[in-house]
Amino acid sequence: MAARMRLANPLTLPPLTLAYLGDALYEAFVRERLLERGYVRVNDLHRHALRYVQATAQAAILHHLMPALTEQEQDVVRRGRNAKGHGAPKSADPAEYAASTGFEALVGYLYLAGQAERLSEVLQAAADFIERGQ
């Protein structure tokens, strides 16, 4: 997924704003990836997409990726994870939901920072992790 926008300093945005954008970008990446893998029925797409986008999966992805993140990327993740106002749904563990928000904030940050290559690396690593069965 190529970055199409560059913001002078995306770190000035609230972390939940970064996560809002990151959620949409990650969802689009997952949907495209599933189409590339031959899933065309909407029910199949939805069922398989859940493996990638559920808070539990995103929290596991983040835990896996953290050692490979730069200090600045880890700071973005911390800001997203610690942001107030992202109450977890009743079906999600609050810590996992916070971690998934941190992952989404990272995706939004990389996109807005114009770091297309790094964004692609992170998304590829996330998908590979899920597809290996965590």
Protein backbone atom coordinates (compact mmCIF):
# COMPACT_ATOMS: atom_id res chain seq x y z
CA MET A 1 0.00 0.00 0.00
CA ALA A 2 1.72 3.15 -1.16
CA ALA A 3 1.58 6.32 0.89
CA ARG A 4 -0.28 8.97 -1.05
CA MET A 5 -0.21 11.73 1.51
CA ARG A 6 2.56 13.30 3.50
CA LEU A 7 1.87 15.42 6.54
CA ALA A 8 4.63 17.74 7.74
CA ASN A 9 4.52 16.28 11.25
CA PRO A 10 1.95 13.56 11.89
CA LEU A 11 3.16 13.41 15.50
CA THR A 12 1.15 16.59 16.13
CA LEU A 13 -2.07 14.66 15.56
CA PRO A 14 -3.87 12.97 18.43
CA PRO A 15 -2.99 9.27 18.61
CA LEU A 16 -6.63 8.24 18.20
CA THR A 17 -6.72 10.22 14.94
CA LEU A 18 -3.70 8.27 13.72
CA ALA A 19 -5.43 5.04 14.81
CA TYR A 20 -8.65 6.04 13.03
CA LEU A 21 -6.78 6.36 9.74
CA GLY A 22 -4.59 3.32 10.46
CA ASP A 23 -7.65 1.15 11.05
CA ALA A 24 -9.04 2.01 7.62
CA LEU A 25 -5.67 1.53 5.90
CA TYR A 26 -5.05 -1.84 7.55
CA GLU A 27 -8.57 -3.02 6.71
CA ALA A 28 -8.07 -2.06 3.04
CA PHE A 29 -4.68 -3.82 3.00
CA VAL A 30 -6.22 -7.01 4.43
CA ARG A 31 -9.12 -6.96 1.98
CA GLU A 32 -6.80 -6.50 -0.98
CA ARG A 33 -4.52 -9.28 0.27
CA LEU A 34 -7.45 -11.68 0.59
CA LEU A 35 -8.61 -10.86 -2.94
CA GLU A 36 -5.09 -11.53 -4.20
CA ARG A 37 -5.28 -14.93 -2.50
CA GLY A 38 -8.41 -15.80 -4.45
CA TYR A 39 -11.17 -15.14 -1.93
CA VAL A 40 -14.08 -13.56 -3.78
CA ARG A 41 -17.19 -14.53 -1.84
CA VAL A 42 -18.10 -11.83 0.66
CA ASN A 43 -18.75 -14.31 3.47
CA ASP A 44 -15.31 -15.88 2.94
CA LEU A 45 -13.66 -12.47 2.78
CA HIS A 46 -15.30 -11.39 6.02
CA ARG A 47 -14.49 -14.62 7.85
CA HIS A 48 -10.84 -14.57 6.80
CA ALA A 49 -10.45 -10.83 7.40
CA LEU A 50 -11.42 -11.31 11.04
CA ARG A 51 -8.25 -13.36 11.58
CA TYR A 52 -6.22 -10.24 10.75
CA VAL A 53 -8.28 -7.38 12.17
CA GLN A 54 -9.64 -8.54 15.52
CA ALA A 55 -8.14 -6.74 18.51
CA THR A 56 -6.62 -10.02 19.72
CA ALA A 57 -4.84 -10.53 16.39
CA GLN A 58 -3.60 -6.94 16.19
CA ALA A 59 -2.31 -7.10 19.77
CA ALA A 60 -0.39 -10.29 18.92
CA ILE A 61 0.99 -8.65 15.77
CA LEU A 62 2.16 -5.66 17.78
CA HIS A 63 3.82 -7.84 20.40
CA HIS A 64 5.65 -9.67 17.60
CA LEU A 65 6.71 -6.44 15.85
CA MET A 66 7.78 -4.35 18.86
CA PRO A 67 11.44 -5.49 18.93
CA ALA A 68 11.86 -4.49 15.27
CA LEU A 69 10.29 -1.04 15.63
CA THR A 70 12.35 2.11 15.83
CA GLU A 71 12.28 4.21 18.98
CA GLN A 72 10.02 6.75 17.26
CA GLU A 73 7.66 4.00 16.06
CA GLN A 74 7.52 2.54 19.57
CA ASP A 75 6.66 6.00 20.89
CA VAL A 76 3.76 6.27 18.42
CA VAL A 77 2.57 2.83 19.54
CA ARG A 78 2.77 3.85 23.22
CA ARG A 79 0.82 7.03 22.54
CA GLY A 80 -1.87 5.04 20.73
CA ARG A 81 -1.98 2.33 23.37
CA ASN A 82 -2.24 4.85 26.22
CA ALA A 83 -4.73 7.22 24.56
CA LYS A 84 -7.82 7.98 26.58
CA GLY A 85 -11.22 7.57 25.04
CA HIS A 86 -10.88 4.24 23.30
CA GLY A 87 -13.10 2.16 25.52
CA ALA A 88 -12.90 -1.48 24.54
CA PRO A 89 -16.05 -3.19 23.33
CA LYS A 90 -17.50 -5.69 25.77
CA SER A 91 -16.25 -8.54 23.58
CA ALA A 92 -12.60 -7.38 23.73
CA ASP A 93 -9.98 -7.49 26.45
CA PRO A 94 -9.10 -3.85 27.33
CA ALA A 95 -5.32 -4.45 27.14
CA GLU A 96 -5.62 -6.14 23.75
CA TYR A 97 -7.88 -3.39 22.48
CA ALA A 98 -5.39 -0.74 23.64
CA ALA A 99 -2.55 -2.62 21.93
CA SER A 100 -4.55 -2.88 18.72
CA THR A 101 -5.11 0.89 18.88
CA GLY A 102 -1.34 1.30 19.18
CA PHE A 103 -0.82 -0.86 16.09
CA GLU A 104 -3.40 1.14 14.14
CA ALA A 105 -1.78 4.41 15.26
CA LEU A 106 1.54 3.14 13.91
CA VAL A 107 -0.02 2.35 10.54
CA GLY A 108 -1.65 5.78 10.36
CA TYR A 109 1.58 7.49 11.37
CA LEU A 110 3.71 5.70 8.77
CA TYR A 111 1.19 6.57 6.07
CA LEU A 112 0.97 10.25 6.98
CA ALA A 113 4.74 10.50 7.40
CA GLY A 114 5.10 9.34 3.81
CA GLN A 115 7.10 6.28 4.85
CA ALA A 116 5.63 4.03 2.16
CA GLU A 117 8.44 1.47 2.22
CA ARG A 118 8.35 1.11 6.00
CA LEU A 119 4.55 0.95 5.97
CA SER A 120 4.73 -1.85 3.42
CA GLU A 121 7.28 -3.72 5.58
CA VAL A 122 5.08 -3.45 8.68
CA LEU A 123 1.93 -4.53 6.86
CA GLN A 124 3.73 -7.45 5.20
CA ALA A 125 5.20 -8.57 8.53
CA ALA A 126 1.75 -8.34 10.15
CA ALA A 127 0.13 -10.45 7.43
CA ASP A 128 2.95 -13.00 7.43
CA PHE A 129 2.61 -13.35 11.20
CA ILE A 130 -1.13 -14.01 10.99
CA GLU A 131 -0.76 -16.38 8.06
CA ARG A 132 1.87 -18.44 9.87
CA GLY A 133 -0.70 -19.01 12.57
CA GLN A 134 0.82 -16.68 15.14
